[in-house]
């Protein structure tokens, strides 16, 4: 069954967040501009709109002024499927067997990526966008090659080095970082995206080979694969509602009826779908407002009255009551505690 939903895994959002924070950038403020808070996400394997991830990739590249930013994300990318796939490769008898597993199950990591292995005078690993997927960025290819390189080149006793890398994307300003990372010639603006390895690498033994472990891991990967493709990707209404509410923050903040209409549902159907995801409309409203209130107070650039207005409260008293219900302290007390903590941190540093 082909995947037709323009969705991907939330693990990419977490990885972008951690990479930005590690480099000293305010990811929360950047994400807020695109209608997303990390608190909206339930876990790394949650389905999120691919378009949103694309927006965050582009925004991160702009703010860091580094069009090789995706290579810095690699250290922060952590997903059960990549760990399971890497473990299966390590348990394989040789590189040939590891490649077969990789081509069979890589879609668990990135549903939008099609990975094909061919063997001729060299070993060719080709990466392409699935024909059903329209939302596609160069970073999808770059990060896939980077993951293959990170987890694959150290499988045999001696490091496996690629012969060359061809990428069907414009040459980035930071192109030298690609050559330094992959340790081979890199051709940009290529007709296809392909990384090649020496043919003799196919038979290279993997010292960590374990047939029994491989059988167990393949069974697990197969079960996950069947589960993923036996049903449609979840619509994840609660995340969509959270993003809708976040983008509507202000004096025209939507009520239940307006929100249900926005998602083309009756109020009863809207409530039922949210209940199926263990939440309700009021809970989502409170969550979005609370998270943004805390972020804005921590930022310290707006008065509490301005924050109340920006969050759509009729007056400061209504905001104070709501905040105290959320946090068990008033906004002013929260701001004071946050200021003390910042001062103490600065003194320690």
C-alpha atoms as a PDB file:
ATOM      1  CA  UNK A   1       0.000   0.000   0.000  1.00  0.00           C
ATOM      2  CA  UNK A   2       1.488   3.319  -1.061  1.00  0.00           C
ATOM      3  CA  UNK A   3       1.680   6.154   1.362  1.00  0.00           C
ATOM      4  CA  UNK A   4      -0.248   9.100   0.018  1.00  0.00           C
ATOM      5  CA  UNK A   5      -0.445  11.273   3.118  1.00  0.00           C
ATOM      6  CA  UNK A   6       2.089  14.115   3.167  1.00  0.00           C
ATOM      7  CA  UNK A   7       3.234  13.112   6.660  1.00  0.00           C
ATOM      8  CA  UNK A   8       6.536  12.233   8.266  1.00  0.00           C
ATOM      9  CA  UNK A   9       7.890  11.498  11.759  1.00  0.00           C
ATOM     10  CA  UNK A  10       8.054  14.082  14.556  1.00  0.00           C
ATOM     11  CA  UNK A  11      11.589  12.887  15.309  1.00  0.00           C
ATOM     12  CA  UNK A  12      12.803  15.321  12.636  1.00  0.00           C
ATOM     13  CA  UNK A  13      11.275  18.241  14.552  1.00  0.00           C
ATOM     14  CA  UNK A  14      12.976  17.176  17.778  1.00  0.00           C
ATOM     15  CA  UNK A  15      16.307  16.763  15.958  1.00  0.00           C
ATOM     16  CA  UNK A  16      16.084  20.248  14.412  1.00  0.00           C
ATOM     17  CA  UNK A  17      15.191  21.675  17.819  1.00  0.00           C
ATOM     18  CA  UNK A  18      18.176  20.076  19.574  1.00  0.00           C
ATOM     19  CA  UNK A  19      20.607  21.068  16.811  1.00  0.00           C
ATOM     20  CA  UNK A  20      19.457  24.708  16.956  1.00  0.00           C
ATOM     21  CA  UNK A  21      19.663  24.857  20.759  1.00  0.00           C
ATOM     22  CA  UNK A  22      23.122  23.249  20.684  1.00  0.00           C
ATOM     23  CA  UNK A  23      24.283  25.995  18.330  1.00  0.00           C
ATOM     24  CA  UNK A  24      22.858  28.733  20.574  1.00  0.00           C
ATOM     25  CA  UNK A  25      19.662  29.556  18.648  1.00  0.00           C
ATOM     26  CA  UNK A  26      16.213  29.997  20.190  1.00  0.00           C
ATOM     27  CA  UNK A  27      14.318  27.119  18.587  1.00  0.00           C
ATOM     28  CA  UNK A  28      11.116  27.840  20.529  1.00  0.00           C
ATOM     29  CA  UNK A  29      10.813  31.332  19.071  1.00  0.00           C
ATOM     30  CA  UNK A  30      11.604  30.010  15.588  1.00  0.00           C
ATOM     31  CA  UNK A  31       9.072  27.190  15.887  1.00  0.00           C
ATOM     32  CA  UNK A  32       6.445  29.585  17.218  1.00  0.00           C
ATOM     33  CA  UNK A  33       6.653  31.572  13.977  1.00  0.00           C
ATOM     34  CA  UNK A  34       5.549  28.405  12.191  1.00  0.00           C
ATOM     35  CA  UNK A  35       2.705  27.572  14.545  1.00  0.00           C
ATOM     36  CA  UNK A  36       4.304  24.727  16.465  1.00  0.00           C
ATOM     37  CA  UNK A  37       5.294  24.141  20.085  1.00  0.00           C
ATOM     38  CA  UNK A  38       7.221  21.046  21.144  1.00  0.00           C
ATOM     39  CA  UNK A  39       4.599  20.563  23.860  1.00  0.00           C
ATOM     40  CA  UNK A  40       2.073  19.892  21.111  1.00  0.00           C
ATOM     41  CA  UNK A  41       3.857  16.662  20.224  1.00  0.00           C
ATOM     42  CA  UNK A  42       3.269  13.441  22.138  1.00  0.00           C
ATOM     43  CA  UNK A  43       6.315  11.428  21.030  1.00  0.00           C
ATOM     44  CA  UNK A  44       9.052  11.250  18.369  1.00  0.00           C
ATOM     45  CA  UNK A  45       7.193   8.711  16.216  1.00  0.00           C
ATOM     46  CA  UNK A  46       4.052  10.827  15.948  1.00  0.00           C
ATOM     47  CA  UNK A  47       2.933  11.623  12.421  1.00  0.00           C
ATOM     48  CA  UNK A  48       3.329  15.318  11.559  1.00  0.00           C
ATOM     49  CA  UNK A  49       2.733  17.253   8.331  1.00  0.00           C
ATOM     50  CA  UNK A  50       5.719  17.000   6.016  1.00  0.00           C
ATOM     51  CA  UNK A  51       5.088  20.597   4.988  1.00  0.00           C
ATOM     52  CA  UNK A  52       5.687  21.712   8.582  1.00  0.00           C
ATOM     53  CA  UNK A  53       9.009  19.866   8.760  1.00  0.00           C
ATOM     54  CA  UNK A  54       9.999  21.439   5.444  1.00  0.00           C
ATOM     55  CA  UNK A  55       9.233  24.887   6.844  1.00  0.00           C
ATOM     56  CA  UNK A  56      11.374  24.212   9.912  1.00  0.00           C
ATOM     57  CA  UNK A  57      14.278  22.944   7.791  1.00  0.00           C
ATOM     58  CA  UNK A  58      14.167  26.106   5.684  1.00  0.00           C
ATOM     59  CA  UNK A  59      13.813  28.384   8.725  1.00  0.00           C
ATOM     60  CA  UNK A  60      16.734  26.676  10.497  1.00  0.00           C
ATOM     61  CA  UNK A  61      18.951  27.086   7.440  1.00  0.00           C
ATOM     62  CA  UNK A  62      18.011  30.774   7.235  1.00  0.00           C
ATOM     63  CA  UNK A  63      18.627  31.549  10.912  1.00  0.00           C
ATOM     64  CA  UNK A  64      21.934  29.632  11.072  1.00  0.00           C
ATOM     65  CA  UNK A  65      23.027  30.843   7.635  1.00  0.00           C
ATOM     66  CA  UNK A  66      24.318  27.326   7.062  1.00  0.00           C
ATOM     67  CA  UNK A  67      22.948  25.428   4.061  1.00  0.00           C
ATOM     68  CA  UNK A  68      24.738  22.324   5.347  1.00  0.00           C
ATOM     69  CA  UNK A  69      22.715  22.542   8.573  1.00  0.00           C
ATOM     70  CA  UNK A  70      21.229  19.088   8.044  1.00  0.00           C
ATOM     71  CA  UNK A  71      24.649  17.514   8.647  1.00  0.00           C
ATOM     72  CA  UNK A  72      24.666  19.027  12.146  1.00  0.00           C
ATOM     73  CA  UNK A  73      21.241  17.515  12.901  1.00  0.00           C
ATOM     74  CA  UNK A  74      22.574  13.982  12.544  1.00  0.00           C
ATOM     75  CA  UNK A  75      23.934  13.786  16.092  1.00  0.00           C
ATOM     76  CA  UNK A  76      20.497  14.616  17.491  1.00  0.00           C
ATOM     77  CA  UNK A  77      18.440  12.271  15.352  1.00  0.00           C
ATOM     78  CA  UNK A  78      17.233   9.460  17.564  1.00  0.00           C
ATOM     79  CA  UNK A  79      14.439   7.108  16.573  1.00  0.00           C
ATOM     80  CA  UNK A  80      13.657   3.510  17.521  1.00  0.00           C
ATOM     81  CA  UNK A  81      13.487   2.471  13.876  1.00  0.00           C
ATOM     82  CA  UNK A  82      16.930   3.819  12.966  1.00  0.00           C
ATOM     83  CA  UNK A  83      18.377   2.116  16.040  1.00  0.00           C
ATOM     84  CA  UNK A  84      16.616  -1.132  15.138  1.00  0.00           C
ATOM     85  CA  UNK A  85      17.721  -0.920  11.525  1.00  0.00           C
ATOM     86  CA  UNK A  86      21.318  -0.135  12.534  1.00  0.00           C
ATOM     87  CA  UNK A  87      21.310  -3.082  14.955  1.00  0.00           C
ATOM     88  CA  UNK A  88      20.023  -5.390  12.214  1.00  0.00           C
ATOM     89  CA  UNK A  89      22.815  -4.206   9.911  1.00  0.00           C
ATOM     90  CA  UNK A  90      25.385  -4.855  12.640  1.00  0.00           C
ATOM     91  CA  UNK A  91      23.987  -8.374  13.131  1.00  0.00           C
ATOM     92  CA  UNK A  92      24.188  -9.158   9.388  1.00  0.00           C
ATOM     93  CA  UNK A  93      26.743 -11.613   8.042  1.00  0.00           C
ATOM     94  CA  UNK A  94      28.186  -9.258   5.434  1.00  0.00           C
ATOM     95  CA  UNK A  95      27.606  -5.918   3.683  1.00  0.00           C
ATOM     96  CA  UNK A  96      25.414  -7.529   1.024  1.00  0.00           C
ATOM     97  CA  UNK A  97      22.962  -8.825   3.621  1.00  0.00           C
ATOM     98  CA  UNK A  98      22.999  -5.494   5.475  1.00  0.00           C
ATOM     99  CA  UNK A  99      22.120  -3.649   2.249  1.00  0.00           C
ATOM    100  CA  UNK A 100      19.156  -5.952   1.602  1.00  0.00           C
ATOM    101  CA  UNK A 101      17.774  -5.176   5.055  1.00  0.00           C
ATOM    102  CA  UNK A 102      18.379  -1.472   4.574  1.00  0.00           C
ATOM    103  CA  UNK A 103      16.533  -1.291   1.257  1.00  0.00           C
ATOM    104  CA  UNK A 104      13.620  -3.320   2.659  1.00  0.00           C
ATOM    105  CA  UNK A 105      12.957  -1.320   5.803  1.00  0.00           C
ATOM    106  CA  UNK A 106      14.332   2.217   5.395  1.00  0.00           C
ATOM    107  CA  UNK A 107      10.806   3.473   4.716  1.00  0.00           C
ATOM    108  CA  UNK A 108      10.115   3.000   8.440  1.00  0.00           C
ATOM    109  CA  UNK A 109      12.449   5.951   9.072  1.00  0.00           C
ATOM    110  CA  UNK A 110      11.319   8.264   6.278  1.00  0.00           C
ATOM    111  CA  UNK A 111       8.111   7.207   4.500  1.00  0.00           C
ATOM    112  CA  UNK A 112       8.711   9.791   1.782  1.00  0.00           C
ATOM    113  CA  UNK A 113      12.103   8.353   0.789  1.00  0.00           C
ATOM    114  CA  UNK A 114      12.553   5.573  -1.751  1.00  0.00           C
ATOM    115  CA  UNK A 115      15.892   3.787  -1.377  1.00  0.00           C
ATOM    116  CA  UNK A 116      17.146   1.307  -4.002  1.00  0.00           C
ATOM    117  CA  UNK A 117      20.357  -0.730  -4.106  1.00  0.00           C
ATOM    118  CA  UNK A 118      21.863  -1.915  -7.399  1.00  0.00           C
ATOM    119  CA  UNK A 119      25.094  -3.754  -8.154  1.00  0.00           C
ATOM    120  CA  UNK A 120      27.190  -3.359 -11.289  1.00  0.00           C
ATOM    121  CA  UNK A 121      30.828  -2.339 -11.454  1.00  0.00           C
ATOM    122  CA  UNK A 122      30.192  -0.618  -8.117  1.00  0.00           C
ATOM    123  CA  UNK A 123      27.584  -0.746  -5.359  1.00  0.00           C
ATOM    124  CA  UNK A 124      25.036   1.977  -6.020  1.00  0.00           C
ATOM    125  CA  UNK A 125      22.565   3.255  -3.442  1.00  0.00           C
ATOM    126  CA  UNK A 126      19.997   5.531  -5.056  1.00  0.00           C
ATOM    127  CA  UNK A 127      17.656   7.818  -3.154  1.00  0.00           C
ATOM    128  CA  UNK A 128      14.558   9.343  -4.667  1.00  0.00           C
ATOM    129  CA  UNK A 129      11.262  10.904  -3.693  1.00  0.00           C
ATOM    130  CA  UNK A 130       8.334   8.489  -3.809  1.00  0.00           C
ATOM    131  CA  UNK A 131       6.088   9.393  -6.725  1.00  0.00           C
ATOM    132  CA  UNK A 132       3.169   9.868  -4.344  1.00  0.00           C
ATOM    133  CA  UNK A 133       5.041  12.398  -2.241  1.00  0.00           C
ATOM    134  CA  UNK A 134       5.098  16.014  -3.444  1.00  0.00           C
ATOM    135  CA  UNK A 135       6.683  17.701  -0.422  1.00  0.00           C
ATOM    136  CA  UNK A 136      10.394  17.190  -0.981  1.00  0.00           C
ATOM    137  CA  UNK A 137      13.499  19.114   0.035  1.00  0.00           C
ATOM    138  CA  UNK A 138      17.226  18.601  -0.643  1.00  0.00           C
ATOM    139  CA  UNK A 139      17.611  17.923   3.087  1.00  0.00           C
ATOM    140  CA  UNK A 140      15.576  14.711   2.695  1.00  0.00           C
ATOM    141  CA  UNK A 141      18.303  13.337   0.444  1.00  0.00           C
ATOM    142  CA  UNK A 142      21.229  14.832   2.346  1.00  0.00           C
ATOM    143  CA  UNK A 143      20.182  13.478   5.746  1.00  0.00           C
ATOM    144  CA  UNK A 144      19.445  10.022   4.292  1.00  0.00           C
ATOM    145  CA  UNK A 145      22.920   9.770   2.799  1.00  0.00           C
ATOM    146  CA  UNK A 146      24.382  11.079   6.060  1.00  0.00           C
ATOM    147  CA  UNK A 147      22.544   8.416   8.093  1.00  0.00           C
ATOM    148  CA  UNK A 148      23.724   5.686   5.710  1.00  0.00           C
ATOM    149  CA  UNK A 149      27.267   6.942   5.979  1.00  0.00           C
ATOM    150  CA  UNK A 150      27.199   7.223   9.771  1.00  0.00           C
ATOM    151  CA  UNK A 151      25.796   3.750  10.418  1.00  0.00           C
ATOM    152  CA  UNK A 152      27.181   1.859   7.416  1.00  0.00           C
ATOM    153  CA  UNK A 153      30.802   2.758   6.949  1.00  0.00           C
ATOM    154  CA  UNK A 154      31.873   1.339  10.322  1.00  0.00           C
ATOM    155  CA  UNK A 155      30.221  -2.085   9.857  1.00  0.00           C
ATOM    156  CA  UNK A 156      33.320  -3.974   8.580  1.00  0.00           C
ATOM    157  CA  UNK A 157      36.648  -4.141  10.406  1.00  0.00           C
ATOM    158  CA  UNK A 158      38.180  -1.448   8.219  1.00  0.00           C
ATOM    159  CA  UNK A 159      36.188   1.714   7.549  1.00  0.00           C
ATOM    160  CA  UNK A 160      34.163   1.477   4.353  1.00  0.00           C
ATOM    161  CA  UNK A 161      34.702   4.595   2.278  1.00  0.00           C
ATOM    162  CA  UNK A 162      32.417   5.690  -0.575  1.00  0.00           C
ATOM    163  CA  UNK A 163      33.841   6.216  -4.062  1.00  0.00           C
ATOM    164  CA  UNK A 164      31.713   9.235  -4.854  1.00  0.00           C
ATOM    165  CA  UNK A 165      28.472  10.991  -4.003  1.00  0.00           C
ATOM    166  CA  UNK A 166      26.129  12.547  -6.550  1.00  0.00           C
ATOM    167  CA  UNK A 167      23.237  14.706  -5.339  1.00  0.00           C
ATOM    168  CA  UNK A 168      20.401  16.054  -7.470  1.00  0.00           C
ATOM    169  CA  UNK A 169      20.332  19.436  -5.765  1.00  0.00           C
ATOM    170  CA  UNK A 170      21.905  22.851  -6.359  1.00  0.00           C
ATOM    171  CA  UNK A 171      25.437  23.276  -5.065  1.00  0.00           C
ATOM    172  CA  UNK A 172      25.263  24.756  -1.550  1.00  0.00           C
ATOM    173  CA  UNK A 173      27.498  27.594  -0.401  1.00  0.00           C
ATOM    174  CA  UNK A 174      28.843  25.257   2.311  1.00  0.00           C
ATOM    175  CA  UNK A 175      29.653  22.498  -0.207  1.00  0.00           C
ATOM    176  CA  UNK A 176      33.067  21.851   1.351  1.00  0.00           C
ATOM    177  CA  UNK A 177      31.344  20.580   4.500  1.00  0.00           C
ATOM    178  CA  UNK A 178      29.790  17.799   2.436  1.00  0.00           C
ATOM    179  CA  UNK A 179      33.158  16.653   1.104  1.00  0.00           C
ATOM    180  CA  UNK A 180      34.661  16.817   4.583  1.00  0.00           C
ATOM    181  CA  UNK A 181      31.777  14.823   6.041  1.00  0.00           C
ATOM    182  CA  UNK A 182      31.616  12.060   3.431  1.00  0.00           C
ATOM    183  CA  UNK A 183      35.339  11.930   2.673  1.00  0.00           C
ATOM    184  CA  UNK A 184      34.842  11.552  -1.079  1.00  0.00           C
ATOM    185  CA  UNK A 185      34.205  13.699  -4.157  1.00  0.00           C
ATOM    186  CA  UNK A 186      30.702  15.200  -4.143  1.00  0.00           C
ATOM    187  CA  UNK A 187      28.918  16.208  -7.345  1.00  0.00           C
ATOM    188  CA  UNK A 188      25.956  18.564  -7.056  1.00  0.00           C
ATOM    189  CA  UNK A 189      23.309  19.277  -9.708  1.00  0.00           C
ATOM    190  CA  UNK A 190      23.522  15.597 -10.656  1.00  0.00           C
ATOM    191  CA  UNK A 191      20.675  13.940 -12.604  1.00  0.00           C
ATOM    192  CA  UNK A 192      20.125  11.470  -9.730  1.00  0.00           C
ATOM    193  CA  UNK A 193      21.092  11.154  -6.079  1.00  0.00           C
ATOM    194  CA  UNK A 194      23.458   8.192  -5.743  1.00  0.00           C
ATOM    195  CA  UNK A 195      26.275   7.161  -3.433  1.00  0.00           C
ATOM    196  CA  UNK A 196      28.641   4.443  -4.664  1.00  0.00           C
ATOM    197  CA  UNK A 197      30.973   2.022  -2.894  1.00  0.00           C
ATOM    198  CA  UNK A 198      33.640  -0.413  -4.151  1.00  0.00           C
ATOM    199  CA  UNK A 199      32.190  -3.676  -5.467  1.00  0.00           C
ATOM    200  CA  UNK A 200      34.496  -5.780  -3.287  1.00  0.00           C
ATOM    201  CA  UNK A 201      32.794  -4.353  -0.195  1.00  0.00           C
ATOM    202  CA  UNK A 202      29.808  -6.683  -0.783  1.00  0.00           C
ATOM    203  CA  UNK A 203      31.536  -9.715   0.690  1.00  0.00           C
ATOM    204  CA  UNK A 204      33.213  -7.908   3.572  1.00  0.00           C
ATOM    205  CA  UNK A 205      32.350  -9.735   6.810  1.00  0.00           C
ATOM    206  CA  UNK A 206      30.782  -7.875   9.716  1.00  0.00           C
ATOM    207  CA  UNK A 207      32.502  -8.835  12.994  1.00  0.00           C
ATOM    208  CA  UNK A 208      29.368  -8.198  15.067  1.00  0.00           C
ATOM    209  CA  UNK A 209      27.309 -10.691  12.989  1.00  0.00           C
ATOM    210  CA  UNK A 210      24.733 -12.608  15.003  1.00  0.00           C
ATOM    211  CA  UNK A 211      22.266 -14.795  13.094  1.00  0.00           C
ATOM    212  CA  UNK A 212      19.901 -15.339  16.024  1.00  0.00           C
ATOM    213  CA  UNK A 213      19.737 -11.641  16.857  1.00  0.00           C
ATOM    214  CA  UNK A 214      19.239 -10.777  13.189  1.00  0.00           C
ATOM    215  CA  UNK A 215      16.262 -13.144  12.974  1.00  0.00           C
ATOM    216  CA  UNK A 216      14.637 -11.448  15.965  1.00  0.00           C
ATOM    217  CA  UNK A 217      15.317  -7.954  14.653  1.00  0.00           C
ATOM    218  CA  UNK A 218      14.021  -8.767  11.167  1.00  0.00           C
ATOM    219  CA  UNK A 219      10.844 -10.148  12.703  1.00  0.00           C
ATOM    220  CA  UNK A 220      10.389  -6.952  14.696  1.00  0.00           C
ATOM    221  CA  UNK A 221      11.057  -4.724  11.669  1.00  0.00           C
ATOM    222  CA  UNK A 222       8.665  -6.784   9.552  1.00  0.00           C
ATOM    223  CA  UNK A 223       5.923  -6.452  12.160  1.00  0.00           C
ATOM    224  CA  UNK A 224       6.435  -2.689  12.328  1.00  0.00           C
ATOM    225  CA  UNK A 225       6.403  -2.481   8.537  1.00  0.00           C
ATOM    226  CA  UNK A 226       3.155  -4.427   8.254  1.00  0.00           C
ATOM    227  CA  UNK A 227       1.553  -2.331  10.992  1.00  0.00           C
ATOM    228  CA  UNK A 228       2.548   0.875   9.261  1.00  0.00           C
ATOM    229  CA  UNK A 229       1.241  -0.159   5.862  1.00  0.00           C
ATOM    230  CA  UNK A 230      -1.816  -2.139   6.891  1.00  0.00           C
ATOM    231  CA  UNK A 231      -3.638   1.037   7.911  1.00  0.00           C
ATOM    232  CA  UNK A 232      -3.703   4.681   6.907  1.00  0.00           C
ATOM    233  CA  UNK A 233      -1.485   7.066   8.725  1.00  0.00           C
ATOM    234  CA  UNK A 234      -3.320   8.587  11.643  1.00  0.00           C
ATOM    235  CA  UNK A 235      -4.897  11.940  10.944  1.00  0.00           C
ATOM    236  CA  UNK A 236      -3.692  13.214  14.286  1.00  0.00           C
ATOM    237  CA  UNK A 237      -6.542  15.676  14.746  1.00  0.00           C
ATOM    238  CA  UNK A 238      -5.300  16.854  18.143  1.00  0.00           C
ATOM    239  CA  UNK A 239      -2.028  18.144  16.673  1.00  0.00           C
ATOM    240  CA  UNK A 240      -3.870  19.858  13.839  1.00  0.00           C
ATOM    241  CA  UNK A 241      -6.211  21.520  16.345  1.00  0.00           C
ATOM    242  CA  UNK A 242      -3.282  22.598  18.519  1.00  0.00           C
ATOM    243  CA  UNK A 243      -1.604  24.266  15.536  1.00  0.00           C
ATOM    244  CA  UNK A 244      -4.893  25.873  14.489  1.00  0.00           C
ATOM    245  CA  UNK A 245      -5.441  27.302  17.987  1.00  0.00           C
ATOM    246  CA  UNK A 246      -1.856  28.505  18.205  1.00  0.00           C
ATOM    247  CA  UNK A 247      -2.178  30.370  14.902  1.00  0.00           C
ATOM    248  CA  UNK A 248      -5.467  31.894  16.084  1.00  0.00           C
ATOM    249  CA  UNK A 249      -4.129  33.250  19.389  1.00  0.00           C
ATOM    250  CA  UNK A 250      -5.452  36.752  19.920  1.00  0.00           C
ATOM    251  CA  UNK A 251      -8.694  38.568  20.618  1.00  0.00           C
ATOM    252  CA  UNK A 252     -10.526  36.460  18.027  1.00  0.00           C
ATOM    253  CA  UNK A 253      -9.610  33.158  19.681  1.00  0.00           C
ATOM    254  CA  UNK A 254     -11.977  30.442  18.375  1.00  0.00           C
ATOM    255  CA  UNK A 255     -14.679  28.702  20.386  1.00  0.00           C
ATOM    256  CA  UNK A 256     -15.749  25.059  20.065  1.00  0.00           C
ATOM    257  CA  UNK A 257     -18.302  25.698  17.340  1.00  0.00           C
ATOM    258  CA  UNK A 258     -15.889  27.677  15.184  1.00  0.00           C
ATOM    259  CA  UNK A 259     -13.137  25.084  15.608  1.00  0.00           C
ATOM    260  CA  UNK A 260     -15.449  22.228  14.627  1.00  0.00           C
ATOM    261  CA  UNK A 261     -16.511  24.180  11.546  1.00  0.00           C
ATOM    262  CA  UNK A 262     -12.870  24.795  10.651  1.00  0.00           C
ATOM    263  CA  UNK A 263     -12.330  21.021  10.509  1.00  0.00           C
ATOM    264  CA  UNK A 264     -15.597  20.407   8.641  1.00  0.00           C
ATOM    265  CA  UNK A 265     -17.231  18.450  11.480  1.00  0.00           C
ATOM    266  CA  UNK A 266     -20.292  18.693  13.629  1.00  0.00           C
ATOM    267  CA  UNK A 267     -19.577  19.539  17.268  1.00  0.00           C
ATOM    268  CA  UNK A 268     -20.426  15.985  18.363  1.00  0.00           C
ATOM    269  CA  UNK A 269     -18.127  14.411  15.737  1.00  0.00           C
ATOM    270  CA  UNK A 270     -15.354  16.877  16.601  1.00  0.00           C
ATOM    271  CA  UNK A 271     -15.616  15.975  20.294  1.00  0.00           C
ATOM    272  CA  UNK A 272     -15.680  12.255  19.484  1.00  0.00           C
ATOM    273  CA  UNK A 273     -12.518  12.379  17.360  1.00  0.00           C
ATOM    274  CA  UNK A 274     -10.645  14.345  20.014  1.00  0.00           C
ATOM    275  CA  UNK A 275     -11.831  11.977  22.726  1.00  0.00           C
ATOM    276  CA  UNK A 276     -10.395   9.089  20.686  1.00  0.00           C
ATOM    277  CA  UNK A 277      -7.013  10.786  21.147  1.00  0.00           C
ATOM    278  CA  UNK A 278      -7.557  11.159  24.916  1.00  0.00           C
ATOM    279  CA  UNK A 279      -8.149  14.897  24.913  1.00  0.00           C
ATOM    280  CA  UNK A 280     -10.867  17.515  24.528  1.00  0.00           C
ATOM    281  CA  UNK A 281     -11.182  20.993  23.059  1.00  0.00           C
ATOM    282  CA  UNK A 282     -10.879  22.906  26.346  1.00  0.00           C
ATOM    283  CA  UNK A 283      -7.790  20.905  27.274  1.00  0.00           C
ATOM    284  CA  UNK A 284      -6.142  21.851  23.970  1.00  0.00           C
ATOM    285  CA  UNK A 285      -7.079  25.517  24.398  1.00  0.00           C
ATOM    286  CA  UNK A 286      -5.583  25.596  27.889  1.00  0.00           C
ATOM    287  CA  UNK A 287      -2.460  23.734  26.769  1.00  0.00           C
ATOM    288  CA  UNK A 288      -1.719  26.060  23.850  1.00  0.00           C
ATOM    289  CA  UNK A 289      -2.355  29.212  25.866  1.00  0.00           C
ATOM    290  CA  UNK A 290      -0.404  27.959  28.905  1.00  0.00           C
ATOM    291  CA  UNK A 291       2.664  26.980  26.881  1.00  0.00           C
ATOM    292  CA  UNK A 292       2.737  30.270  24.999  1.00  0.00           C
ATOM    293  CA  UNK A 293       2.133  32.259  28.198  1.00  0.00           C
ATOM    294  CA  UNK A 294       5.122  30.611  29.884  1.00  0.00           C
ATOM    295  CA  UNK A 295       7.293  31.166  26.797  1.00  0.00           C
ATOM    296  CA  UNK A 296       6.403  34.853  26.568  1.00  0.00           C
ATOM    297  CA  UNK A 297       6.886  35.430  30.306  1.00  0.00           C
ATOM    298  CA  UNK A 298      10.262  33.693  30.173  1.00  0.00           C
ATOM    299  CA  UNK A 299      11.235  35.824  27.198  1.00  0.00           C
ATOM    300  CA  UNK A 300      10.499  38.966  29.220  1.00  0.00           C
ATOM    301  CA  UNK A 301       9.869  41.374  26.340  1.00  0.00           C
ATOM    302  CA  UNK A 302       6.129  41.887  26.969  1.00  0.00           C
ATOM    303  CA  UNK A 303       4.186  43.057  29.997  1.00  0.00           C
ATOM    304  CA  UNK A 304       1.683  40.677  31.566  1.00  0.00           C
ATOM    305  CA  UNK A 305      -1.138  42.864  30.267  1.00  0.00           C
ATOM    306  CA  UNK A 306       0.246  42.603  26.714  1.00  0.00           C
ATOM    307  CA  UNK A 307       0.612  38.820  27.062  1.00  0.00           C
ATOM    308  CA  UNK A 308      -2.994  38.527  28.259  1.00  0.00           C
ATOM    309  CA  UNK A 309      -4.159  40.469  25.199  1.00  0.00           C
ATOM    310  CA  UNK A 310      -1.971  38.458  22.830  1.00  0.00           C
ATOM    311  CA  UNK A 311      -3.391  35.188  24.174  1.00  0.00           C
ATOM    312  CA  UNK A 312      -6.959  36.346  23.603  1.00  0.00           C
ATOM    313  CA  UNK A 313      -8.089  37.081  27.167  1.00  0.00           C
ATOM    314  CA  UNK A 314     -10.631  39.828  27.698  1.00  0.00           C
ATOM    315  CA  UNK A 315      -8.579  41.377  30.491  1.00  0.00           C
ATOM    316  CA  UNK A 316      -5.673  40.780  32.863  1.00  0.00           C
ATOM    317  CA  UNK A 317      -7.946  39.388  35.586  1.00  0.00           C
ATOM    318  CA  UNK A 318      -9.196  36.605  33.311  1.00  0.00           C
ATOM    319  CA  UNK A 319      -5.597  35.789  32.351  1.00  0.00           C
ATOM    320  CA  UNK A 320      -4.504  35.750  36.004  1.00  0.00           C
ATOM    321  CA  UNK A 321      -7.291  33.338  36.941  1.00  0.00           C
ATOM    322  CA  UNK A 322      -6.536  31.014  34.044  1.00  0.00           C
ATOM    323  CA  UNK A 323      -2.778  31.055  34.681  1.00  0.00           C
ATOM    324  CA  UNK A 324      -3.250  30.273  38.363  1.00  0.00           C
ATOM    325  CA  UNK A 325      -5.517  27.366  37.395  1.00  0.00           C
ATOM    326  CA  UNK A 326      -2.807  26.040  35.057  1.00  0.00           C
ATOM    327  CA  UNK A 327       0.296  26.606  37.157  1.00  0.00           C
ATOM    328  CA  UNK A 328      -0.977  27.050  40.761  1.00  0.00           C
ATOM    329  CA  UNK A 329       0.764  30.418  40.941  1.00  0.00           C
ATOM    330  CA  UNK A 330      -0.018  33.839  39.475  1.00  0.00           C
ATOM    331  CA  UNK A 331       1.712  35.133  36.310  1.00  0.00           C
ATOM    332  CA  UNK A 332       3.595  37.759  38.349  1.00  0.00           C
ATOM    333  CA  UNK A 333       4.865  35.095  40.786  1.00  0.00           C
ATOM    334  CA  UNK A 334       5.936  32.926  37.868  1.00  0.00           C
ATOM    335  CA  UNK A 335       7.760  35.878  36.288  1.00  0.00           C
ATOM    336  CA  UNK A 336       9.556  36.667  39.571  1.00  0.00           C
ATOM    337  CA  UNK A 337      10.685  33.060  40.037  1.00  0.00           C
ATOM    338  CA  UNK A 338      11.889  32.909  36.458  1.00  0.00           C
ATOM    339  CA  UNK A 339      13.862  36.157  36.909  1.00  0.00           C
ATOM    340  CA  UNK A 340      15.531  34.795  40.071  1.00  0.00           C
ATOM    341  CA  UNK A 341      16.459  31.553  38.300  1.00  0.00           C
ATOM    342  CA  UNK A 342      17.989  33.466  35.397  1.00  0.00           C
ATOM    343  CA  UNK A 343      20.022  35.627  37.769  1.00  0.00           C
ATOM    344  CA  UNK A 344      21.285  32.589  39.668  1.00  0.00           C
ATOM    345  CA  UNK A 345      22.243  30.872  36.427  1.00  0.00           C
ATOM    346  CA  UNK A 346      24.153  33.946  35.243  1.00  0.00           C
ATOM    347  CA  UNK A 347      26.016  34.110  38.559  1.00  0.00           C
ATOM    348  CA  UNK A 348      27.004  30.439  38.299  1.00  0.00           C
ATOM    349  CA  UNK A 349      28.252  30.959  34.750  1.00  0.00           C
END
